[in-house]
Amino acid sequence: MQEDVGWDRSIVEVERNLNLAINKTTGRAPYEVLYGYLPRFQTDPVMARIVPTEQWTPAEDIQIEVRRRIEEEQQKQKSLADKKRYLGVRYEVGDVVFMRRQPVGGSGESTKLQPKFCGPLTITQILPSDTYRVASINEEDRRRFATTAHVSQLKGYQNHNEEDSIDEQQEDDGTKNEEVIAESTVRRVRKKPE
């Protein structure tokens, strides 16, 4: 049989310690934000040394400062999150893409060696929710392959000959033409923070 630990006798002490712990965002303890000061408890020698002397500040002033600090921290977190945020890849009708294919098992052949993409395909229709209608480029086939695919399954086609001609054009002009480079690659748009 287990001994009675007596955890219920420590609830008041745990609650007091939580209320006196300094919050990283606000820089204040919850007790101080509510009442305007931090009390000194004689029963706990550690807290008596850590907690400063009783100095009262109007709780309203502390709460205004806490709200300001919370807003500043939220803006910092938002700017960090916005650095990694993308609107996504956008394709237009007529763009050439490759579509990710699922490996086919059961033939005894290793799935690692199977092609990861099928295509080339062309975008024939833009559907809602980042979904596209794609079809095979060869229109001569009687049975033309057509399906729908989410943008996460598609990979843009880059013609390396076009990139080489762009590089040669830049060397001749002596300037960088960023618009031409952007048109030749997949349209990945970084959203600017608001």
N, C-alpha and C. Protein backbone atom coordinates (compact mmCIF):
# COMPACT_ATOMS: atom_id res chain seq x y z
N MET A 1 0.84 -1.18 0.00
CA MET A 1 0.00 0.00 0.00
C MET A 1 0.89 1.25 0.00
N GLN A 2 0.50 2.25 -0.79
CA GLN A 2 1.31 3.46 -0.90
C GLN A 2 1.08 4.38 0.29
N GLU A 3 2.14 5.14 0.61
CA GLU A 3 2.03 6.10 1.70
C GLU A 3 1.31 7.34 1.21
N ASP A 4 0.65 8.02 2.12
CA ASP A 4 -0.02 9.26 1.79
C ASP A 4 1.03 10.36 1.62
N VAL A 5 1.15 10.89 0.41
CA VAL A 5 2.17 11.89 0.10
C VAL A 5 1.81 13.24 0.70
N GLY A 6 0.55 13.51 0.80
CA GLY A 6 0.11 14.78 1.37
C GLY A 6 0.18 15.93 0.39
N TRP A 7 -0.03 15.63 -0.92
CA TRP A 7 0.04 16.67 -1.94
C TRP A 7 -1.01 17.74 -1.71
N ASP A 8 -2.13 17.37 -1.09
CA ASP A 8 -3.20 18.34 -0.89
C ASP A 8 -2.80 19.42 0.11
N ARG A 9 -1.78 19.15 0.93
CA ARG A 9 -1.32 20.16 1.90
C ARG A 9 -0.42 21.21 1.22
N SER A 10 0.07 20.90 0.02
CA SER A 10 0.99 21.82 -0.66
C SER A 10 0.30 22.68 -1.71
N ILE A 11 -0.99 22.54 -1.88
CA ILE A 11 -1.69 23.28 -2.94
C ILE A 11 -1.57 24.79 -2.73
N VAL A 12 -1.73 25.25 -1.53
CA VAL A 12 -1.66 26.68 -1.26
C VAL A 12 -0.27 27.22 -1.59
N GLU A 13 0.76 26.50 -1.24
CA GLU A 13 2.12 26.93 -1.53
C GLU A 13 2.41 26.94 -3.03
N VAL A 14 1.93 25.92 -3.74
CA VAL A 14 2.12 25.86 -5.20
C VAL A 14 1.39 27.02 -5.86
N GLU A 15 0.18 27.29 -5.42
CA GLU A 15 -0.59 28.40 -6.00
C GLU A 15 0.13 29.73 -5.76
N ARG A 16 0.65 29.92 -4.55
CA ARG A 16 1.37 31.16 -4.23
C ARG A 16 2.61 31.31 -5.11
N ASN A 17 3.36 30.22 -5.31
CA ASN A 17 4.56 30.29 -6.14
C ASN A 17 4.23 30.58 -7.60
N LEU A 18 3.14 30.01 -8.10
CA LEU A 18 2.73 30.30 -9.48
C LEU A 18 2.33 31.76 -9.63
N ASN A 19 1.63 32.29 -8.65
CA ASN A 19 1.18 33.68 -8.72
C ASN A 19 2.33 34.68 -8.56
N LEU A 20 3.46 34.23 -8.00
CA LEU A 20 4.60 35.11 -7.82
C LEU A 20 5.69 34.90 -8.87
N ALA A 21 5.50 33.96 -9.78
CA ALA A 21 6.49 33.70 -10.82
C ALA A 21 6.43 34.80 -11.88
N ILE A 22 7.60 35.29 -12.29
CA ILE A 22 7.67 36.36 -13.29
C ILE A 22 7.36 35.76 -14.66
N ASN A 23 6.43 36.39 -15.38
CA ASN A 23 6.06 35.95 -16.72
C ASN A 23 7.07 36.52 -17.72
N LYS A 24 7.50 35.71 -18.67
CA LYS A 24 8.52 36.13 -19.64
C LYS A 24 8.01 37.26 -20.54
N THR A 25 6.77 37.18 -20.97
CA THR A 25 6.21 38.17 -21.88
C THR A 25 5.96 39.50 -21.18
N THR A 26 5.28 39.45 -20.03
CA THR A 26 4.89 40.68 -19.36
C THR A 26 5.99 41.26 -18.50
N GLY A 27 6.91 40.43 -18.02
CA GLY A 27 7.96 40.89 -17.13
C GLY A 27 7.47 41.12 -15.72
N ARG A 28 6.26 40.71 -15.44
CA ARG A 28 5.65 40.90 -14.11
C ARG A 28 5.03 39.59 -13.65
N ALA A 29 4.81 39.49 -12.34
CA ALA A 29 4.12 38.34 -11.77
C ALA A 29 2.62 38.60 -11.82
N PRO A 30 1.78 37.56 -11.97
CA PRO A 30 0.32 37.78 -11.99
C PRO A 30 -0.20 38.50 -10.75
N TYR A 31 0.34 38.18 -9.59
CA TYR A 31 -0.08 38.85 -8.35
C TYR A 31 0.20 40.35 -8.43
N GLU A 32 1.37 40.71 -8.94
CA GLU A 32 1.75 42.12 -9.04
C GLU A 32 0.86 42.85 -10.04
N VAL A 33 0.50 42.20 -11.15
CA VAL A 33 -0.37 42.83 -12.14
C VAL A 33 -1.75 43.09 -11.55
N LEU A 34 -2.23 42.19 -10.71
CA LEU A 34 -3.57 42.32 -10.15
C LEU A 34 -3.62 43.32 -8.99
N TYR A 35 -2.60 43.28 -8.11
CA TYR A 35 -2.67 44.09 -6.89
C TYR A 35 -1.70 45.26 -6.85
N GLY A 36 -0.68 45.31 -7.69
CA GLY A 36 0.22 46.44 -7.74
C GLY A 36 1.49 46.29 -6.92
N TYR A 37 1.69 45.17 -6.26
CA TYR A 37 2.91 44.95 -5.49
C TYR A 37 3.15 43.45 -5.34
N LEU A 38 4.36 43.12 -4.94
CA LEU A 38 4.72 41.72 -4.65
C LEU A 38 4.89 41.59 -3.14
N PRO A 39 4.13 40.73 -2.49
CA PRO A 39 4.26 40.58 -1.03
C PRO A 39 5.51 39.78 -0.67
N ARG A 40 5.96 39.96 0.54
CA ARG A 40 7.08 39.19 1.06
C ARG A 40 6.51 38.20 2.07
N PHE A 41 6.80 36.93 1.83
CA PHE A 41 6.30 35.89 2.72
C PHE A 41 7.43 35.45 3.64
N GLN A 42 7.16 35.46 4.94
CA GLN A 42 8.16 35.07 5.91
C GLN A 42 8.30 33.55 6.00
N THR A 43 7.30 32.81 5.55
CA THR A 43 7.32 31.35 5.69
C THR A 43 8.29 30.70 4.72
N ASP A 44 8.58 31.34 3.60
CA ASP A 44 9.44 30.75 2.58
C ASP A 44 10.73 31.57 2.50
N PRO A 45 11.87 31.05 3.02
CA PRO A 45 13.10 31.84 3.02
C PRO A 45 13.63 32.14 1.62
N VAL A 46 13.39 31.25 0.66
CA VAL A 46 13.86 31.49 -0.71
C VAL A 46 13.09 32.66 -1.32
N MET A 47 11.77 32.64 -1.19
CA MET A 47 10.95 33.72 -1.74
C MET A 47 11.24 35.04 -1.03
N ALA A 48 11.57 34.98 0.24
CA ALA A 48 11.86 36.21 0.98
C ALA A 48 13.11 36.89 0.43
N ARG A 49 14.06 36.12 -0.10
CA ARG A 49 15.27 36.71 -0.67
C ARG A 49 15.06 37.17 -2.11
N ILE A 50 14.28 36.41 -2.90
CA ILE A 50 14.11 36.71 -4.32
C ILE A 50 13.16 37.88 -4.53
N VAL A 51 12.03 37.87 -3.83
CA VAL A 51 11.01 38.88 -4.04
C VAL A 51 11.47 40.20 -3.45
N PRO A 52 11.37 41.31 -4.21
CA PRO A 52 11.81 42.61 -3.69
C PRO A 52 10.90 43.09 -2.57
N THR A 53 11.31 44.17 -1.95
CA THR A 53 10.52 44.74 -0.86
C THR A 53 9.18 45.21 -1.40
N GLU A 54 8.24 45.35 -0.49
CA GLU A 54 6.89 45.76 -0.89
C GLU A 54 6.93 47.21 -1.36
N GLN A 55 6.64 47.40 -2.64
CA GLN A 55 6.60 48.73 -3.24
C GLN A 55 5.32 48.79 -4.06
N TRP A 56 4.39 49.66 -3.67
CA TRP A 56 3.09 49.68 -4.31
C TRP A 56 3.08 50.63 -5.49
N THR A 57 2.53 50.14 -6.62
CA THR A 57 2.29 50.93 -7.81
C THR A 57 0.83 50.72 -8.16
N PRO A 58 0.12 51.74 -8.61
CA PRO A 58 -1.29 51.51 -8.97
C PRO A 58 -1.41 50.38 -10.00
N ALA A 59 -2.32 49.45 -9.71
CA ALA A 59 -2.48 48.27 -10.56
C ALA A 59 -2.86 48.67 -11.99
N GLU A 60 -3.59 49.76 -12.16
CA GLU A 60 -3.99 50.20 -13.50
C GLU A 60 -2.77 50.56 -14.34
N ASP A 61 -1.77 51.20 -13.72
CA ASP A 61 -0.55 51.56 -14.44
C ASP A 61 0.21 50.32 -14.88
N ILE A 62 0.29 49.35 -13.99
CA ILE A 62 0.99 48.10 -14.33
C ILE A 62 0.25 47.38 -15.46
N GLN A 63 -1.08 47.36 -15.40
CA GLN A 63 -1.87 46.67 -16.42
C GLN A 63 -1.73 47.34 -17.78
N ILE A 64 -1.62 48.65 -17.83
CA ILE A 64 -1.39 49.35 -19.10
C ILE A 64 -0.03 48.96 -19.67
N GLU A 65 0.99 48.93 -18.80
CA GLU A 65 2.32 48.53 -19.25
C GLU A 65 2.33 47.09 -19.74
N VAL A 66 1.62 46.21 -19.03
CA VAL A 66 1.56 44.79 -19.42
C VAL A 66 0.88 44.65 -20.78
N ARG A 67 -0.21 45.37 -21.01
CA ARG A 67 -0.89 45.31 -22.32
C ARG A 67 0.05 45.75 -23.44
N ARG A 68 0.82 46.83 -23.18
CA ARG A 68 1.76 47.32 -24.19
C ARG A 68 2.83 46.28 -24.49
N ARG A 69 3.36 45.65 -23.44
CA ARG A 69 4.40 44.63 -23.64
C ARG A 69 3.85 43.41 -24.36
N ILE A 70 2.62 43.02 -24.06
CA ILE A 70 2.01 41.88 -24.76
C ILE A 70 1.86 42.20 -26.24
N GLU A 71 1.41 43.41 -26.57
CA GLU A 71 1.28 43.80 -27.98
C GLU A 71 2.63 43.81 -28.69
N GLU A 72 3.67 44.29 -28.01
CA GLU A 72 5.01 44.28 -28.61
C GLU A 72 5.49 42.86 -28.88
N GLU A 73 5.27 41.97 -27.92
CA GLU A 73 5.68 40.57 -28.09
C GLU A 73 4.88 39.90 -29.21
N GLN A 74 3.59 40.23 -29.31
CA GLN A 74 2.78 39.67 -30.40
C GLN A 74 3.30 40.13 -31.75
N GLN A 75 3.70 41.41 -31.86
CA GLN A 75 4.25 41.91 -33.11
C GLN A 75 5.56 41.22 -33.46
N LYS A 76 6.40 40.96 -32.46
CA LYS A 76 7.65 40.24 -32.71
C LYS A 76 7.38 38.84 -33.23
N GLN A 77 6.43 38.15 -32.59
CA GLN A 77 6.10 36.79 -33.02
C GLN A 77 5.49 36.80 -34.43
N LYS A 78 4.66 37.82 -34.71
CA LYS A 78 4.04 37.91 -36.03
C LYS A 78 5.09 38.14 -37.11
N SER A 79 6.06 39.01 -36.83
CA SER A 79 7.09 39.28 -37.83
C SER A 79 7.95 38.04 -38.06
N LEU A 80 8.23 37.25 -37.02
CA LEU A 80 8.97 36.00 -37.20
C LEU A 80 8.18 35.01 -38.04
N ALA A 81 6.87 34.92 -37.78
CA ALA A 81 6.04 33.99 -38.54
C ALA A 81 5.89 34.43 -39.99
N ASP A 82 5.81 35.76 -40.23
CA ASP A 82 5.63 36.27 -41.59
C ASP A 82 6.86 36.05 -42.46
N LYS A 83 8.03 35.93 -41.85
CA LYS A 83 9.24 35.70 -42.63
C LYS A 83 9.19 34.36 -43.34
N LYS A 84 8.48 33.39 -42.77
CA LYS A 84 8.41 32.05 -43.35
C LYS A 84 7.12 31.81 -44.12
N ARG A 85 6.27 32.82 -44.19
CA ARG A 85 4.96 32.63 -44.81
C ARG A 85 5.00 32.93 -46.30
N TYR A 86 4.40 32.07 -47.07
CA TYR A 86 4.30 32.25 -48.51
C TYR A 86 2.83 32.26 -48.91
N LEU A 87 2.50 33.05 -49.92
CA LEU A 87 1.16 32.96 -50.48
C LEU A 87 1.01 31.65 -51.23
N GLY A 88 2.11 31.13 -51.72
CA GLY A 88 2.07 29.86 -52.42
C GLY A 88 2.48 30.01 -53.86
N VAL A 89 2.49 28.89 -54.53
CA VAL A 89 2.86 28.86 -55.93
C VAL A 89 1.59 29.03 -56.75
N ARG A 90 1.64 29.88 -57.74
CA ARG A 90 0.49 30.13 -58.61
C ARG A 90 0.86 29.74 -60.04
N TYR A 91 -0.03 29.05 -60.70
CA TYR A 91 0.16 28.69 -62.10
C TYR A 91 -0.95 29.34 -62.92
N GLU A 92 -0.65 29.60 -64.16
CA GLU A 92 -1.63 30.16 -65.10
C GLU A 92 -2.00 29.09 -66.12
N VAL A 93 -3.12 29.28 -66.80
CA VAL A 93 -3.53 28.36 -67.86
C VAL A 93 -2.46 28.36 -68.94
N GLY A 94 -2.01 27.18 -69.32
CA GLY A 94 -0.99 27.04 -70.34
C GLY A 94 0.40 26.77 -69.77
N ASP A 95 0.59 26.93 -68.47
CA ASP A 95 1.89 26.63 -67.87
C ASP A 95 2.17 25.14 -67.95
N VAL A 96 3.44 24.80 -68.15
CA VAL A 96 3.86 23.41 -68.23
C VAL A 96 4.34 22.98 -66.85
N VAL A 97 3.82 21.82 -66.37
CA VAL A 97 4.15 21.33 -65.03
C VAL A 97 4.39 19.83 -65.08
N PHE A 98 4.95 19.33 -64.00
CA PHE A 98 5.06 17.89 -63.76
C PHE A 98 4.23 17.58 -62.53
N MET A 99 3.59 16.41 -62.50
CA MET A 99 2.75 16.03 -61.38
C MET A 99 3.38 14.88 -60.61
N ARG A 100 3.41 14.99 -59.28
CA ARG A 100 3.95 13.93 -58.44
C ARG A 100 3.08 12.68 -58.60
N ARG A 101 3.74 11.54 -58.75
CA ARG A 101 3.00 10.29 -58.89
C ARG A 101 3.33 9.38 -57.73
N GLN A 102 2.38 8.55 -57.39
CA GLN A 102 2.57 7.58 -56.31
C GLN A 102 3.32 6.38 -56.86
N PRO A 103 4.28 5.82 -56.10
CA PRO A 103 4.98 4.63 -56.57
C PRO A 103 4.02 3.43 -56.64
N VAL A 104 4.23 2.60 -57.63
CA VAL A 104 3.39 1.42 -57.81
C VAL A 104 4.15 0.22 -57.27
N GLY A 105 3.59 -0.42 -56.26
CA GLY A 105 4.24 -1.58 -55.66
C GLY A 105 3.61 -2.87 -56.16
N GLY A 106 4.16 -3.96 -55.70
CA GLY A 106 3.58 -5.26 -56.02
C GLY A 106 4.21 -5.95 -57.21
N SER A 107 5.06 -5.26 -57.95
CA SER A 107 5.66 -5.90 -59.12
C SER A 107 7.00 -6.53 -58.78
N GLY A 108 7.41 -6.42 -57.53
CA GLY A 108 8.70 -6.96 -57.14
C GLY A 108 9.85 -6.00 -57.41
N GLU A 109 9.55 -4.90 -58.07
CA GLU A 109 10.55 -3.90 -58.40
C GLU A 109 10.62 -2.87 -57.26
N SER A 110 11.79 -2.35 -56.99
CA SER A 110 11.96 -1.36 -55.94
C SER A 110 11.21 -0.07 -56.30
N THR A 111 10.46 0.46 -55.35
CA THR A 111 9.73 1.70 -55.60
C THR A 111 10.65 2.91 -55.58
N LYS A 112 11.86 2.77 -55.02
CA LYS A 112 12.80 3.89 -54.96
C LYS A 112 13.31 4.28 -56.34
N LEU A 113 13.31 3.32 -57.26
CA LEU A 113 13.84 3.60 -58.59
C LEU A 113 12.77 4.06 -59.58
N GLN A 114 11.52 4.08 -59.16
CA GLN A 114 10.45 4.52 -60.05
C GLN A 114 10.46 6.05 -60.17
N PRO A 115 10.00 6.58 -61.31
CA PRO A 115 9.97 8.04 -61.47
C PRO A 115 9.04 8.68 -60.44
N LYS A 116 9.46 9.81 -59.92
CA LYS A 116 8.67 10.48 -58.89
C LYS A 116 7.62 11.43 -59.48
N PHE A 117 7.82 11.86 -60.73
CA PHE A 117 6.89 12.78 -61.39
C PHE A 117 6.48 12.22 -62.73
N CYS A 118 5.25 12.56 -63.17
CA CYS A 118 4.82 12.22 -64.52
C CYS A 118 4.58 13.52 -65.27
N GLY A 119 4.67 13.44 -66.56
CA GLY A 119 4.48 14.65 -67.34
C GLY A 119 5.45 14.70 -68.49
N PRO A 120 5.57 15.77 -69.18
CA PRO A 120 5.04 17.10 -68.86
C PRO A 120 3.53 17.20 -69.13
N LEU A 121 2.88 18.02 -68.32
CA LEU A 121 1.46 18.29 -68.43
C LEU A 121 1.27 19.79 -68.58
N THR A 122 0.10 20.19 -68.99
CA THR A 122 -0.20 21.61 -69.11
C THR A 122 -1.43 21.94 -68.27
N ILE A 123 -1.45 23.13 -67.71
CA ILE A 123 -2.60 23.59 -66.92
C ILE A 123 -3.70 23.98 -67.90
N THR A 124 -4.87 23.37 -67.74
CA THR A 124 -5.99 23.69 -68.63
C THR A 124 -7.07 24.52 -67.95
N GLN A 125 -7.13 24.44 -66.61
CA GLN A 125 -8.17 25.18 -65.90
C GLN A 125 -7.73 25.42 -64.46
N ILE A 126 -8.04 26.60 -63.93
CA ILE A 126 -7.74 26.92 -62.53
C ILE A 126 -9.03 26.71 -61.74
N LEU A 127 -8.95 25.85 -60.74
CA LEU A 127 -10.10 25.53 -59.90
C LEU A 127 -9.92 26.16 -58.52
N PRO A 128 -10.97 26.21 -57.69
CA PRO A 128 -10.83 26.79 -56.36
C PRO A 128 -9.91 25.96 -55.45
N SER A 129 -9.49 26.56 -54.37
CA SER A 129 -8.68 25.91 -53.32
C SER A 129 -7.35 25.39 -53.84
N ASP A 130 -6.65 26.18 -54.65
CA ASP A 130 -5.31 25.83 -55.15
C ASP A 130 -5.30 24.50 -55.90
N THR A 131 -6.36 24.23 -56.62
CA THR A 131 -6.46 23.00 -57.41
C THR A 131 -6.49 23.38 -58.89
N TYR A 132 -5.85 22.54 -59.70
CA TYR A 132 -5.75 22.81 -61.13
C TYR A 132 -6.19 21.60 -61.92
N ARG A 133 -6.74 21.85 -63.11
CA ARG A 133 -7.04 20.78 -64.06
C ARG A 133 -5.83 20.71 -64.98
N VAL A 134 -5.24 19.52 -65.09
CA VAL A 134 -4.06 19.34 -65.94
C VAL A 134 -4.35 18.27 -66.97
N ALA A 135 -3.65 18.37 -68.11
CA ALA A 135 -3.82 17.39 -69.18
C ALA A 135 -2.47 17.19 -69.85
N SER A 136 -2.35 16.03 -70.52
CA SER A 136 -1.10 15.76 -71.22
C SER A 136 -0.95 16.73 -72.39
N ILE A 137 0.28 16.99 -72.77
CA ILE A 137 0.55 17.95 -73.83
C ILE A 137 0.22 17.38 -75.20
N ASN A 138 0.43 16.10 -75.38
CA ASN A 138 0.18 15.47 -76.69
C ASN A 138 -1.31 15.42 -76.98
N GLU A 139 -1.77 16.27 -77.88
CA GLU A 139 -3.18 16.29 -78.24
C GLU A 139 -3.50 15.28 -79.31
N GLU A 140 -2.47 14.68 -79.92
CA GLU A 140 -2.71 13.72 -81.00
C GLU A 140 -3.23 12.39 -80.46
N ASP A 141 -2.95 12.10 -79.19
CA ASP A 141 -3.42 10.83 -78.62
C ASP A 141 -4.94 10.81 -78.59
N ARG A 142 -5.48 9.64 -78.88
CA ARG A 142 -6.94 9.50 -78.82
C ARG A 142 -7.43 9.64 -77.39
N ARG A 143 -6.68 9.04 -76.47
CA ARG A 143 -7.06 9.07 -75.07
C ARG A 143 -6.11 10.03 -74.35
N ARG A 144 -6.46 11.28 -74.33
CA ARG A 144 -5.61 12.29 -73.70
C ARG A 144 -5.77 12.19 -72.18
N PHE A 145 -4.63 12.12 -71.47
CA PHE A 145 -4.63 12.03 -70.01
C PHE A 145 -5.03 13.39 -69.43
N ALA A 146 -6.05 13.41 -68.54
CA ALA A 146 -6.48 14.64 -67.88
C ALA A 146 -6.94 14.29 -66.47
N THR A 147 -6.58 15.14 -65.53
CA THR A 147 -6.97 14.93 -64.14
C THR A 147 -6.91 16.26 -63.40
N THR A 148 -7.27 16.23 -62.13
CA THR A 148 -7.11 17.41 -61.28
C THR A 148 -5.99 17.14 -60.29
N ALA A 149 -5.30 18.21 -59.88
CA ALA A 149 -4.19 18.06 -58.94
C ALA A 149 -4.10 19.29 -58.06
N HIS A 150 -3.78 19.06 -56.81
CA HIS A 150 -3.54 20.18 -55.89
C HIS A 150 -2.17 20.77 -56.18
N VAL A 151 -1.98 22.02 -55.83
CA VAL A 151 -0.73 22.72 -56.11
C VAL A 151 0.45 22.01 -55.44
N SER A 152 0.22 21.33 -54.32
CA SER A 152 1.31 20.63 -53.63
C SER A 152 1.81 19.42 -54.42
N GLN A 153 1.02 18.95 -55.38
CA GLN A 153 1.42 17.81 -56.20
C GLN A 153 2.13 18.23 -57.48
N LEU A 154 2.15 19.53 -57.75
CA LEU A 154 2.69 20.02 -59.02
C LEU A 154 4.07 20.63 -58.84
N LYS A 155 4.85 20.53 -59.89
CA LYS A 155 6.20 21.12 -59.92
C LYS A 155 6.34 21.82 -61.26
N GLY A 156 6.75 23.08 -61.22
CA GLY A 156 6.87 23.87 -62.44
C GLY A 156 7.99 23.39 -63.33
N TYR A 157 7.79 23.54 -64.62
CA TYR A 157 8.80 23.16 -65.61
C TYR A 157 9.68 24.37 -65.88
N GLN A 158 11.01 24.16 -65.83
CA GLN A 158 11.95 25.22 -66.15
C GLN A 158 12.73 24.80 -67.38
N ASN A 159 12.70 25.64 -68.38
CA ASN A 159 13.46 25.37 -69.59
C ASN A 159 14.85 25.95 -69.39
N HIS A 160 15.86 25.08 -69.31
CA HIS A 160 17.21 25.55 -69.04
C HIS A 160 17.77 26.38 -70.19
N ASN A 161 17.29 26.14 -71.40
CA ASN A 161 17.75 26.94 -72.54
C ASN A 161 17.30 28.39 -72.39
N GLU A 162 16.08 28.60 -71.87
CA GLU A 162 15.59 29.96 -71.66
C GLU A 162 16.44 30.66 -70.61
N GLU A 163 16.81 29.95 -69.52
CA GLU A 163 17.63 30.55 -68.48
C GLU A 163 19.00 30.94 -69.02
N ASP A 164 19.57 30.07 -69.90
CA ASP A 164 20.87 30.40 -70.48
C ASP A 164 20.78 31.66 -71.34
N SER A 165 19.69 31.79 -72.11
CA SER A 165 19.56 32.97 -72.95
C SER A 165 19.34 34.21 -72.10
N ILE A 166 18.67 34.08 -70.96
CA ILE A 166 18.48 35.22 -70.06
C ILE A 166 19.82 35.66 -69.50
N ASP A 167 20.67 34.68 -69.09
CA ASP A 167 21.99 35.01 -68.56
C ASP A 167 22.83 35.72 -69.61
N GLU A 168 22.78 35.24 -70.86
CA GLU A 168 23.53 35.88 -71.93
C GLU A 168 23.03 37.30 -72.17
N GLN A 169 21.72 37.48 -72.11
CA GLN A 169 21.14 38.80 -72.32
C GLN A 169 21.61 39.76 -71.21
N GLN A 170 21.67 39.28 -69.97
CA GLN A 170 22.10 40.13 -68.86
C GLN A 170 23.57 40.52 -69.03
N GLU A 171 24.39 39.57 -69.48
CA GLU A 171 25.80 39.88 -69.67
C GLU A 171 25.97 40.93 -70.77
N ASP A 172 25.15 40.83 -71.85
CA ASP A 172 25.24 41.81 -72.92
C ASP A 172 24.80 43.19 -72.44
N ASP A 173 23.69 43.23 -71.68
CA ASP A 173 23.16 44.51 -71.20
C ASP A 173 23.99 45.06 -70.05
N GLY A 174 24.59 44.17 -69.28
CA GLY A 174 25.33 44.60 -68.09
C GLY A 174 24.41 44.93 -66.94
N THR A 175 23.11 44.56 -67.04
CA THR A 175 22.15 44.83 -65.96
C THR A 175 21.41 43.56 -65.64
N LYS A 176 20.78 43.56 -64.48
CA LYS A 176 19.97 42.42 -64.08
C LYS A 176 18.52 42.74 -64.39
N ASN A 177 17.87 41.86 -65.10
CA ASN A 177 16.47 42.02 -65.42
C ASN A 177 15.69 41.05 -64.55
N GLU A 178 15.29 41.49 -63.36
CA GLU A 178 14.65 40.61 -62.40
C GLU A 178 13.28 40.15 -62.86
N GLU A 179 12.57 40.99 -63.64
CA GLU A 179 11.25 40.61 -64.11
C GLU A 179 11.34 39.40 -65.05
N VAL A 180 12.34 39.38 -65.93
CA VAL A 180 12.50 38.26 -66.85
C VAL A 180 12.83 36.99 -66.08
N ILE A 181 13.68 37.10 -65.06
CA ILE A 181 14.02 35.93 -64.25
C ILE A 181 12.79 35.40 -63.56
N ALA A 182 11.97 36.30 -63.00
CA ALA A 182 10.77 35.87 -62.28
C ALA A 182 9.79 35.17 -63.22
N GLU A 183 9.69 35.62 -64.48
CA GLU A 183 8.77 34.99 -65.41
C GLU A 183 9.22 33.61 -65.81
N SER A 184 10.53 33.35 -65.81
CA SER A 184 11.01 32.06 -66.27
C SER A 184 10.98 30.99 -65.19
N THR A 185 10.75 31.38 -63.94
CA THR A 185 10.72 30.41 -62.85
C THR A 185 9.31 30.27 -62.33
N VAL A 186 9.14 29.35 -61.40
CA VAL A 186 7.82 29.13 -60.79
C VAL A 186 7.44 30.37 -60.00
N ARG A 187 6.20 30.73 -60.05
CA ARG A 187 5.74 31.95 -59.37
C ARG A 187 5.54 31.67 -57.89
N ARG A 188 6.56 31.91 -57.08
CA ARG A 188 6.47 31.76 -55.63
C ARG A 188 6.46 33.17 -55.06
N VAL A 189 5.36 33.53 -54.41
CA VAL A 189 5.18 34.89 -53.95
C VAL A 189 5.31 34.93 -52.44
N ARG A 190 6.19 35.76 -51.95
CA ARG A 190 6.36 35.92 -50.49
C ARG A 190 5.43 37.03 -50.05
N LYS A 191 4.62 36.74 -49.05
CA LYS A 191 3.68 37.73 -48.57
C LYS A 191 4.39 38.71 -47.65
N LYS A 192 4.16 40.00 -47.88
CA LYS A 192 4.77 41.01 -47.04
C LYS A 192 3.92 41.16 -45.76
N PRO A 193 4.57 41.36 -44.62
CA PRO A 193 3.83 41.54 -43.38
C PRO A 193 2.94 42.76 -43.45
N GLU A 194 1.79 42.64 -42.82
CA GLU A 194 0.83 43.76 -42.84
C GLU A 194 0.98 44.60 -41.62
